[in-house]
Each structure stands twice: as C-alpha cells, then as structure tokens.
Amino acid sequence: MERIETDILVAGGGVAGLAATAAFAAAGFRVACVDPAPPPAEITDPRSDLRSTAFLMPSVRLLEEAGLWRGLAPHAAPLRIMRIADAGGPEPEVRETADFIAQELGHPVFGYNLPNWLLRREMLATLESVPGAHVRLGASVTHLTPRTREAIARLSDGTQIRARLVVAADGRDSALRDMAGITARRWGYGQKAMVFAVSHEMPHEGISTEVHRSGGPFTLVPLPDRDGQPHSAVVWMEHGPRAAELAAMETAAFEEALNTRACGVLGRLTLASPRRTWPIISQVARRLDGSRLALIAEAAHVIPPIGAQGLNMSLKDIAVLRDLCTDALRTGQDIGSPERLRRYHWKREPDILARVAGVDTLNRAAMENLQSFRDLRLRGLRAIHGIQPIRRTAMQLGLGMGRQPAPAEE
C-alpha cells in the first residue's frame, strides 16, 4: 500500500480544489489533491462546451498569487460593465437599463470570464510544474480518521495519505462533510438553469447583461470572440416545467424562444453549443470546520448563479484559509488545530450567510410574474442605481470588498 505524507490534503479536483492546491503550494505547503474524475480529455472542438466562469478581481488576484492566472489570461474576456435590463413590462422588451461600471470604482474591469472547457485543463497543466503540489486523479477519499496531530485518509485505490489539514472541496454532496457528521441546510426554488453559448450580431463590448422578466434572471456573459464572431455564455433560469419544455425544443424553436427572452439586447442570437440543464438550490453547511477538516466551495455553500457570486465566494474561502495557515506556519503553530479551524469558520460564516440571503432575495424577486411585483422590482433597481453612494456600495459588496472612499476627482 502506498503511503503519502503531506501538509494539506485537498479532496476535490474541480476549479476550486485545484485553485486551493495551487494557492497552498505557492504559500510553501506540501499539498496533495485527489479527485475521482479522470484527466480531462483533449478537446478538439471547444464549441462542444462553451459554458463559462466569471472571476471577479479579488479572485483574479488569488489566481495570480497561486501562479495560475498566466495560463488562463490569454483565454479571458474582460467584464467592464455589469448591466441590469428590466423587461418586466407587459411586452418582452427592455423598458430600462442600469449600468454598473468598473471605472467608477477606479478599476478598468470587474473581472474576467473564461470558458469552462479549458479551465481544468490549464490549471492541471500549471500544477504539473508547481513544487510541493501533487495531483492524483481517478481516486477519491473513502475513509477519514482524524487524530490529535494529523488526519489519515484512505483512498479508493488503496493509497493512504497523512495530512495535518484536510480541505473538503468535493462538491454540494460532499462525502467528507458527511464523514465529519456536518449537516447542511438545503432549499429549492422550483427552478432550473440552462447553460449554453450563443453567437450574436452586436459586439458585447465587455458588458455582462442580466435581463429580468420572470422565472429568474437571463444572463449574457462575454466570451472571447471566435472566428471573428462575438460570443457570450448564457445562464437562463426558469421555472422547472418551462425549463423542461425549452430543453426539449428543436434548435429552431428554441432559438425563437431564446431571442424573445433576450429582448434583442445583442441583436439576433444563434445557439453555439449544446444546452445543459440543472436544478437551482441554495445550501449552507451548519459548520465550516470539523476535526482536522475545513469545508470550502460547494461543500460549504451553494447559491443560484446570480452576480457571479458562487465560485468567487469559494475563492474567498481559499484566500482566508490560506492566510490562516500561512500565519500558523510563520508562528510555528498547528495549521489544523481546532482553534485555527474555528477561526476559519468565524471569519467566513457571516459573509457566506449574508451573500446566500442576498442572492436568495434577488432570485425570488427575479422569479416574480405578477406585474405589480415587476413594477416594484423596477423601482428598487432605480433606487439602487440612481443614488451614487448606494450604487458604489452595491458594486463594492458584489466584488467582495468593504465600503471604500470614492476616488479623488482629477
């Protein structure tokens, strides 16, 4: 039986798990990452999956510090403006837009959007040359035994790993969370999200557009141009029965429904990838810490895909946990001690609960079909966007920043 000794074991090799592996390794720790999925197959046609992930600037900085951003940057589309378009009138047409502009905060962009088909591939390629990082694909943690000074994990391939800290990044149905006896509160909305990519007539100009009508937000997020044609990733949230109906449509019928829902914001849209559908839930773990264990990403929290909050919350988990571990290393303390992991829970829980509650409220408001509620939603948008201090604070909170003073006038 193979035995591995390391400082940190990361269970889960998705984007969050690989980011955590790189971040801890860059901070000077020995890190082992395990995931049951095999290595990503070579993709000959990127159009087969043009879903995307938006990284806001605090997350980009973490990826830079972890040494991952250099391989990702050439594939990234900048997000300069976050636009909310209200289409809640009697007809499916935009009646008002509100632009939240990164330059108002003194930044050129809010972040960058990247196609999912390359994320895991590029991150794994980078980690191959990172000292202290070891990635084992095709294996999962089947048993975890925490001890006073370490935890012992047994993998599905028979390998044993000893680590001072175990990081659970193994998804919303986390096996490690269950092993630790940590429960999670989950609720649904009767919604599903369809994700796919489109080409369109008009350039997106770095603008991410969220169109509100009913059923949930309809969001177009910029992708890099392909073959000289502008492209965007789409997240279309709808009530379950309507989503099932849309998913079953032939392409021509679906594109007609798509263009009606998009309200012409980028001109004519053409489907450019397969459609994927999944149920929308929110979920919060009761604790983020266990014995020698820290929960991050969807093992800790799940929210609807609104405002690019989900994965960016996950990378904030990583940044906070990394800083706590780095401080322990500097002062000669135990990175997996109960006190250290309680501090991680205390630092992250308030922000997580606030963001889950905020996104839950926004999603329920976006689902409303009654005209009176749609009109109330429009008045709320006007109030947030129309008053500069409130608008700036909303943007700072969306980025995960505290309230900051306005930049000096030139």
Protein backbone atom coordinates (compact mmCIF):
# COMPACT_ATOMS: atom_id res chain seq x y z
CA MET A 1 0.00 0.00 0.00
CA GLU A 2 1.35 3.39 -0.99
CA ARG A 3 1.69 5.92 1.82
CA ILE A 4 1.95 9.67 1.29
CA GLU A 5 2.78 12.28 3.93
CA THR A 6 1.83 15.88 3.22
CA ASP A 7 0.84 19.09 4.96
CA ILE A 8 -2.56 19.52 3.30
CA LEU A 9 -4.88 17.12 1.51
CA VAL A 10 -7.43 18.69 -0.84
CA ALA A 11 -10.35 16.41 -1.69
CA GLY A 12 -11.83 17.55 -4.99
CA GLY A 13 -10.12 18.48 -8.25
CA GLY A 14 -12.61 20.91 -9.72
CA VAL A 15 -11.77 24.58 -10.24
CA ALA A 16 -11.96 25.37 -6.51
CA GLY A 17 -9.93 22.33 -5.46
CA LEU A 18 -7.19 22.99 -8.00
CA ALA A 19 -7.10 26.68 -7.06
CA ALA A 20 -6.73 25.70 -3.40
CA THR A 21 -3.94 23.26 -4.25
CA ALA A 22 -2.01 25.92 -6.16
CA ALA A 23 -2.62 28.60 -3.50
CA PHE A 24 -1.38 26.43 -0.63
CA ALA A 25 1.61 25.20 -2.64
CA ALA A 26 2.55 28.79 -3.55
CA ALA A 27 2.42 29.60 0.18
CA GLY A 28 5.06 26.95 0.91
CA PHE A 29 2.96 23.91 1.87
CA ARG A 30 3.17 20.37 0.56
CA VAL A 31 -0.26 19.68 -0.95
CA ALA A 32 -1.89 16.54 -2.30
CA CYS A 33 -5.10 16.87 -4.33
CA VAL A 34 -7.28 13.88 -5.17
CA ASP A 35 -10.33 13.65 -7.40
CA PRO A 36 -12.31 10.68 -8.80
CA ALA A 37 -12.60 12.23 -12.27
CA PRO A 38 -10.04 11.12 -14.86
CA PRO A 39 -7.74 13.63 -16.59
CA PRO A 40 -9.68 15.89 -18.96
CA ALA A 41 -9.79 14.55 -22.48
CA GLU A 42 -8.20 16.60 -25.21
CA ILE A 43 -10.96 18.78 -26.66
CA THR A 44 -10.70 19.14 -30.40
CA ASP A 45 -13.78 21.34 -30.76
CA PRO A 46 -14.22 23.92 -27.97
CA ARG A 47 -17.74 24.60 -29.26
CA SER A 48 -18.77 21.32 -27.62
CA ASP A 49 -18.91 23.13 -24.26
CA LEU A 50 -18.87 26.92 -24.12
CA ARG A 51 -20.14 27.30 -20.58
CA SER A 52 -18.10 29.79 -18.61
CA THR A 53 -16.94 31.02 -15.23
CA ALA A 54 -16.59 34.67 -14.26
CA PHE A 55 -13.71 35.54 -11.93
CA LEU A 56 -14.08 38.88 -10.13
CA MET A 57 -10.90 40.82 -9.40
CA PRO A 58 -10.30 39.54 -5.83
CA SER A 59 -10.39 36.02 -7.31
CA VAL A 60 -8.09 37.02 -10.16
CA ARG A 61 -5.58 38.28 -7.61
CA LEU A 62 -5.70 34.94 -5.78
CA LEU A 63 -5.13 33.10 -9.07
CA GLU A 64 -2.18 35.41 -9.79
CA GLU A 65 -0.67 34.70 -6.37
CA ALA A 66 -1.21 30.97 -6.91
CA GLY A 67 0.60 31.09 -10.26
CA LEU A 68 -2.47 30.03 -12.26
CA TRP A 69 -3.51 33.25 -13.96
CA ARG A 70 -0.70 33.33 -16.53
CA GLY A 71 -2.09 30.24 -18.25
CA LEU A 72 -5.67 31.48 -18.09
CA ALA A 73 -5.32 35.15 -19.06
CA PRO A 74 -4.99 34.62 -22.83
CA HIS A 75 -8.43 32.98 -22.88
CA ALA A 76 -10.22 35.58 -20.73
CA ALA A 77 -12.86 38.12 -21.76
CA PRO A 78 -12.87 41.33 -19.64
CA LEU A 79 -16.04 42.36 -17.77
CA ARG A 80 -16.12 46.16 -17.77
CA ILE A 81 -19.81 46.82 -17.13
CA MET A 82 -22.49 44.86 -15.28
CA ARG A 83 -25.82 45.81 -16.86
CA ILE A 84 -29.25 45.01 -15.46
CA ALA A 85 -32.01 45.28 -18.03
CA ASP A 86 -35.57 45.35 -16.74
CA ALA A 87 -38.03 43.73 -19.16
CA GLY A 88 -40.84 43.35 -16.68
CA GLY A 89 -43.50 45.23 -18.64
CA PRO A 90 -46.48 43.63 -20.39
CA GLU A 91 -44.39 43.00 -23.54
CA PRO A 92 -41.00 41.23 -23.71
CA GLU A 93 -38.92 44.32 -24.30
CA VAL A 94 -36.39 46.25 -22.24
CA ARG A 95 -38.00 49.23 -20.53
CA GLU A 96 -34.98 50.40 -18.51
CA THR A 97 -31.29 49.57 -18.05
CA ALA A 98 -28.90 50.23 -15.19
CA ASP A 99 -25.14 50.10 -15.80
CA PHE A 100 -22.69 49.38 -13.01
CA ILE A 101 -19.30 50.50 -14.37
CA ALA A 102 -15.97 49.25 -13.01
CA GLN A 103 -14.22 52.55 -13.71
CA GLU A 104 -16.48 54.23 -11.17
CA LEU A 105 -14.59 52.23 -8.54
CA GLY A 106 -11.25 53.14 -10.09
CA HIS A 107 -10.80 49.73 -11.77
CA PRO A 108 -10.63 49.03 -15.51
CA VAL A 109 -12.68 45.81 -15.12
CA PHE A 110 -14.79 43.93 -12.57
CA GLY A 111 -13.12 40.70 -13.61
CA TYR A 112 -12.81 38.23 -16.46
CA ASN A 113 -14.91 35.45 -17.95
CA LEU A 114 -13.37 32.20 -19.16
CA PRO A 115 -14.82 29.20 -21.00
CA ASN A 116 -15.08 26.15 -18.78
CA TRP A 117 -13.66 23.72 -21.32
CA LEU A 118 -10.14 24.99 -20.72
CA LEU A 119 -10.14 25.87 -17.01
CA ARG A 120 -9.40 22.47 -15.52
CA ARG A 121 -7.04 21.58 -18.38
CA GLU A 122 -4.92 24.71 -17.96
CA MET A 123 -4.90 24.54 -14.17
CA LEU A 124 -3.74 20.90 -14.21
CA ALA A 125 -1.05 21.74 -16.74
CA THR A 126 0.28 24.50 -14.49
CA LEU A 127 0.22 22.33 -11.37
CA GLU A 128 2.42 19.73 -13.05
CA SER A 129 5.37 22.07 -12.57
CA VAL A 130 4.49 23.52 -9.15
CA PRO A 131 6.90 22.38 -6.39
CA GLY A 132 5.07 20.81 -3.47
CA ALA A 133 1.84 20.09 -5.41
CA HIS A 134 0.81 16.54 -6.20
CA VAL A 135 -2.44 15.81 -8.05
CA ARG A 136 -3.86 12.28 -8.15
CA LEU A 137 -6.83 11.83 -10.50
CA GLY A 138 -9.10 8.79 -10.62
CA ALA A 139 -9.17 8.34 -6.81
CA SER A 140 -11.43 9.56 -4.03
CA VAL A 141 -11.31 9.65 -0.24
CA THR A 142 -13.28 6.68 1.11
CA HIS A 143 -12.39 6.95 4.80
CA LEU A 144 -11.06 9.73 7.01
CA THR A 145 -9.65 9.27 10.51
CA PRO A 146 -8.78 12.49 12.37
CA ARG A 147 -6.15 12.27 15.09
CA THR A 148 -4.58 14.70 17.52
CA ARG A 149 -1.78 15.83 15.20
CA GLU A 150 -2.93 14.64 11.77
CA ALA A 151 -5.68 13.04 9.75
CA ILE A 152 -5.34 9.74 7.90
CA ALA A 153 -7.25 9.40 4.63
CA ARG A 154 -7.73 6.17 2.73
CA LEU A 155 -8.30 6.46 -1.00
CA SER A 156 -10.34 4.29 -3.33
CA ASP A 157 -7.13 3.00 -4.95
CA GLY A 158 -5.75 1.81 -1.60
CA THR A 159 -3.38 4.74 -1.04
CA GLN A 160 -3.06 6.15 2.47
CA ILE A 161 -2.43 9.88 2.96
CA ARG A 162 -1.40 11.51 6.22
CA ALA A 163 -2.04 15.26 6.39
CA ARG A 164 -2.15 17.92 9.06
CA LEU A 165 -5.19 19.51 7.41
CA VAL A 166 -7.84 18.14 5.06
CA VAL A 167 -9.74 20.55 2.81
CA ALA A 168 -13.12 19.36 1.53
CA ALA A 169 -13.72 20.74 -1.97
CA ASP A 170 -15.74 17.73 -3.10
CA GLY A 171 -18.99 19.44 -4.06
CA ARG A 172 -22.52 20.01 -2.82
CA ASP A 173 -22.96 16.33 -1.89
CA SER A 174 -19.60 16.28 -0.09
CA ALA A 175 -18.59 12.84 1.16
CA LEU A 176 -16.06 14.40 3.56
CA ARG A 177 -18.71 16.66 5.06
CA ASP A 178 -20.81 13.56 5.71
CA MET A 179 -17.82 11.70 7.18
CA ALA A 180 -17.35 14.57 9.62
CA GLY A 181 -21.02 14.49 10.63
CA ILE A 182 -21.61 18.07 9.45
CA THR A 183 -25.14 18.61 8.18
CA ALA A 184 -26.24 21.14 5.58
CA ARG A 185 -29.49 23.06 5.14
CA ARG A 186 -30.78 22.92 1.57
CA TRP A 187 -33.78 24.50 -0.13
CA GLY A 188 -35.01 24.76 -3.69
CA TYR A 189 -36.93 27.22 -5.85
CA GLY A 190 -38.73 25.01 -8.36
CA GLN A 191 -36.26 26.40 -10.91
CA LYS A 192 -33.77 25.04 -13.36
CA ALA A 193 -30.92 26.76 -15.14
CA MET A 194 -29.97 26.20 -18.74
CA VAL A 195 -26.40 27.00 -19.70
CA PHE A 196 -25.10 27.29 -23.25
CA ALA A 197 -23.26 29.68 -25.55
CA VAL A 198 -24.50 31.91 -28.32
CA SER A 199 -23.07 33.99 -31.12
CA HIS A 200 -24.71 37.37 -31.70
CA GLU A 201 -24.93 40.23 -34.14
CA MET A 202 -23.79 43.07 -31.89
CA PRO A 203 -20.45 43.16 -30.00
CA HIS A 204 -20.79 42.67 -26.26
CA GLU A 205 -18.13 45.36 -25.55
CA GLY A 206 -17.23 43.74 -22.25
CA ILE A 207 -20.76 44.15 -20.89
CA SER A 208 -22.39 41.37 -18.88
CA THR A 209 -26.16 41.80 -19.24
CA GLU A 210 -28.76 40.39 -16.85
CA VAL A 211 -32.29 40.60 -18.27
CA HIS A 212 -35.08 40.44 -15.69
CA ARG A 213 -38.61 39.44 -16.64
CA SER A 214 -39.99 36.37 -14.82
CA GLY A 215 -38.90 32.85 -13.97
CA GLY A 216 -35.43 34.04 -13.00
CA PRO A 217 -32.58 36.07 -14.47
CA PHE A 218 -31.43 35.62 -18.06
CA THR A 219 -27.73 36.49 -18.19
CA LEU A 220 -25.38 37.01 -21.14
CA VAL A 221 -21.71 36.99 -20.12
CA PRO A 222 -18.96 37.94 -22.62
CA LEU A 223 -16.73 35.26 -24.10
CA PRO A 224 -13.71 35.82 -26.33
CA ASP A 225 -14.64 36.20 -29.99
CA ARG A 226 -14.39 33.07 -32.14
CA ASP A 227 -13.72 33.20 -35.89
CA GLY A 228 -14.34 36.93 -35.80
CA GLN A 229 -17.83 36.43 -34.34
CA PRO A 230 -18.82 37.81 -30.91
CA HIS A 231 -19.90 35.13 -28.43
CA SER A 232 -21.45 35.12 -24.97
CA ALA A 233 -22.23 32.47 -22.39
CA VAL A 234 -25.87 32.31 -21.30
CA VAL A 235 -27.39 31.29 -17.98
CA TRP A 236 -31.18 31.12 -18.39
CA MET A 237 -33.10 30.43 -15.17
CA GLU A 238 -36.73 29.38 -15.46
CA HIS A 239 -39.50 27.63 -13.53
CA GLY A 240 -38.97 23.88 -13.77
CA PRO A 241 -41.78 22.98 -16.21
CA ARG A 242 -40.85 25.82 -18.58
CA ALA A 243 -37.17 24.85 -18.44
CA ALA A 244 -38.03 21.25 -19.32
CA GLU A 245 -40.15 22.48 -22.24
CA LEU A 246 -37.31 24.65 -23.53
CA ALA A 247 -34.73 21.89 -23.15
CA ALA A 248 -36.85 19.56 -25.28
CA MET A 249 -37.30 22.02 -28.17
CA GLU A 250 -35.71 21.61 -31.56
CA THR A 251 -32.99 24.16 -32.25
CA ALA A 252 -35.10 26.45 -34.46
CA ALA A 253 -37.96 26.65 -31.96
CA PHE A 254 -35.53 27.11 -29.08
CA GLU A 255 -33.77 29.99 -30.84
CA GLU A 256 -37.09 31.77 -31.33
CA ALA A 257 -37.87 31.43 -27.61
CA LEU A 258 -34.30 32.47 -26.81
CA ASN A 259 -34.49 35.66 -28.84
CA THR A 260 -37.86 36.57 -27.34
CA ARG A 261 -36.43 36.16 -23.82
CA ALA A 262 -33.25 38.11 -24.65
CA CYS A 263 -35.32 41.11 -25.75
CA GLY A 264 -32.87 41.94 -28.53
CA VAL A 265 -30.11 43.22 -26.22
CA LEU A 266 -27.33 41.90 -28.50
CA GLY A 267 -29.28 41.57 -31.71
CA ARG A 268 -30.09 38.16 -33.12
CA LEU A 269 -28.74 35.26 -31.00
CA THR A 270 -27.70 31.92 -32.51
CA LEU A 271 -27.11 28.80 -30.42
CA ALA A 272 -23.39 27.93 -30.49
CA SER A 273 -23.13 24.96 -28.11
CA PRO A 274 -25.18 22.15 -26.57
CA ARG A 275 -27.65 23.07 -23.83
CA ARG A 276 -27.10 21.82 -20.26
CA THR A 277 -29.75 21.95 -17.52
CA TRP A 278 -29.55 21.57 -13.74
CA PRO A 279 -31.80 22.32 -10.74
CA ILE A 280 -31.29 25.52 -8.76
CA ILE A 281 -30.82 25.21 -5.00
CA SER A 282 -29.31 27.07 -2.08
CA GLN A 283 -27.38 25.20 0.58
CA VAL A 284 -25.32 26.13 3.64
CA ALA A 285 -23.27 23.80 5.84
CA ARG A 286 -24.02 24.10 9.56
CA ARG A 287 -20.28 24.37 10.25
CA LEU A 288 -17.27 25.05 8.04
CA ASP A 289 -14.88 23.19 10.34
CA GLY A 290 -14.51 19.71 11.70
CA SER A 291 -11.74 17.68 13.28
CA ARG A 292 -8.70 18.37 11.04
CA LEU A 293 -11.17 19.40 8.33
CA ALA A 294 -12.18 22.66 6.60
CA LEU A 295 -15.06 22.93 4.14
CA ILE A 296 -14.72 25.20 1.12
CA ALA A 297 -16.66 25.93 -2.07
CA GLU A 298 -19.83 23.91 -2.70
CA ALA A 299 -19.07 21.59 0.21
CA ALA A 300 -19.70 24.71 2.32
CA HIS A 301 -22.26 26.72 0.31
CA VAL A 302 -24.32 26.63 -2.87
CA ILE A 303 -26.27 29.55 -4.33
CA PRO A 304 -28.14 30.33 -7.56
CA PRO A 305 -25.91 31.62 -10.39
CA ILE A 306 -26.57 35.33 -9.92
CA GLY A 307 -24.00 38.12 -9.86
CA ALA A 308 -21.01 35.76 -10.30
CA GLN A 309 -21.09 35.09 -6.56
CA GLY A 310 -20.79 31.29 -6.33
CA LEU A 311 -17.22 30.45 -7.35
CA ASN A 312 -15.95 33.81 -6.18
CA MET A 313 -17.24 33.00 -2.68
CA SER A 314 -15.32 29.74 -2.98
CA LEU A 315 -12.07 31.51 -3.82
CA LYS A 316 -12.62 33.83 -0.86
CA ASP A 317 -12.83 30.68 1.32
CA ILE A 318 -9.45 29.62 -0.07
CA ALA A 319 -7.85 33.02 0.50
CA VAL A 320 -9.00 33.19 4.13
CA LEU A 321 -7.95 29.60 4.89
CA ARG A 322 -4.59 30.08 3.16
CA ASP A 323 -3.88 33.22 5.19
CA LEU A 324 -4.74 31.45 8.45
CA CYS A 325 -2.46 28.54 7.55
CA THR A 326 0.35 30.86 6.47
CA ASP A 327 0.09 32.70 9.79
CA ALA A 328 0.27 29.37 11.64
CA LEU A 329 3.34 28.34 9.61
CA ARG A 330 5.05 31.66 10.35
CA THR A 331 4.42 31.40 14.10
CA GLY A 332 5.14 27.68 14.40
CA GLN A 333 1.55 26.70 15.20
CA ASP A 334 -0.59 23.79 14.03
CA ILE A 335 -2.42 24.55 10.75
CA GLY A 336 -5.15 22.03 11.57
CA SER A 337 -5.75 22.80 15.23
CA PRO A 338 -9.36 23.17 16.43
CA GLU A 339 -8.75 26.82 17.36
CA ARG A 340 -7.32 27.62 13.91
CA LEU A 341 -10.25 25.97 12.12
CA ARG A 342 -12.79 27.68 14.38
CA ARG A 343 -11.26 30.98 13.34
CA TYR A 344 -11.80 30.00 9.71
CA HIS A 345 -15.49 29.30 10.45
CA TRP A 346 -15.90 32.60 12.31
CA LYS A 347 -14.22 34.58 9.56
CA ARG A 348 -16.24 33.12 6.70
CA GLU A 349 -19.69 32.37 8.13
CA PRO A 350 -21.04 35.97 8.34
CA ASP A 351 -20.08 36.76 4.74
CA ILE A 352 -21.44 33.45 3.45
CA LEU A 353 -24.76 33.83 5.24
CA ALA A 354 -25.15 37.43 4.04
CA ARG A 355 -24.43 36.52 0.41
CA VAL A 356 -26.68 33.46 0.46
CA ALA A 357 -29.52 35.57 1.88
CA GLY A 358 -28.89 38.38 -0.62
CA VAL A 359 -28.82 36.09 -3.67
CA ASP A 360 -31.88 34.23 -2.37
CA THR A 361 -33.78 37.53 -2.19
CA LEU A 362 -32.64 38.63 -5.65
CA ASN A 363 -33.61 35.30 -7.16
CA ARG A 364 -37.07 35.30 -5.63
CA ALA A 365 -37.62 38.86 -6.87
CA ALA A 366 -36.46 37.89 -10.37
CA MET A 367 -38.87 34.93 -10.44
CA GLU A 368 -41.98 37.05 -9.90
CA ASN A 369 -44.61 37.00 -12.64
CA LEU A 370 -47.20 39.43 -11.23
CA GLN A 371 -47.00 42.83 -12.91
CA SER A 372 -47.28 44.69 -9.60
CA PHE A 373 -44.18 42.88 -8.26
CA ARG A 374 -42.30 43.50 -11.52
CA ASP A 375 -43.01 47.22 -11.20
CA LEU A 376 -41.87 47.17 -7.57
CA ARG A 377 -38.66 45.43 -8.67
CA LEU A 378 -38.05 48.20 -11.21
CA ARG A 379 -38.48 50.87 -8.54
CA GLY A 380 -35.95 49.06 -6.36
CA LEU A 381 -33.45 48.95 -9.24
CA ARG A 382 -33.89 52.67 -9.81
CA ALA A 383 -33.29 53.37 -6.13
CA ILE A 384 -30.06 51.34 -6.02
CA HIS A 385 -28.67 52.64 -9.30
CA GLY A 386 -29.82 56.24 -9.12
CA ILE A 387 -28.00 57.26 -5.93
CA GLN A 388 -24.23 57.24 -6.38
CA PRO A 389 -23.17 56.21 -2.83
CA ILE A 390 -25.66 53.33 -2.87
CA ARG A 391 -24.60 52.31 -6.37
CA ARG A 392 -20.90 52.33 -5.40
CA THR A 393 -21.57 50.35 -2.23
CA ALA A 394 -23.56 47.75 -4.19
CA MET A 395 -20.65 47.32 -6.61
CA GLN A 396 -18.10 47.03 -3.80
CA LEU A 397 -20.20 44.43 -2.00
CA GLY A 398 -20.66 42.48 -5.22
CA LEU A 399 -16.88 42.35 -5.63
CA GLY A 400 -16.46 41.16 -2.04
CA MET A 401 -14.87 44.45 -0.98
CA GLY A 402 -15.68 46.58 2.02
CA ARG A 403 -17.06 50.04 1.51
CA GLN A 404 -14.30 52.30 0.25
CA PRO A 405 -13.97 56.05 -0.31
CA ALA A 406 -14.64 57.42 -3.75
CA PRO A 407 -11.55 58.05 -5.88
CA ALA A 408 -10.34 61.64 -5.85
CA GLU A 409 -11.56 63.88 -8.62
CA GLU A 410 -8.95 64.77 -11.21
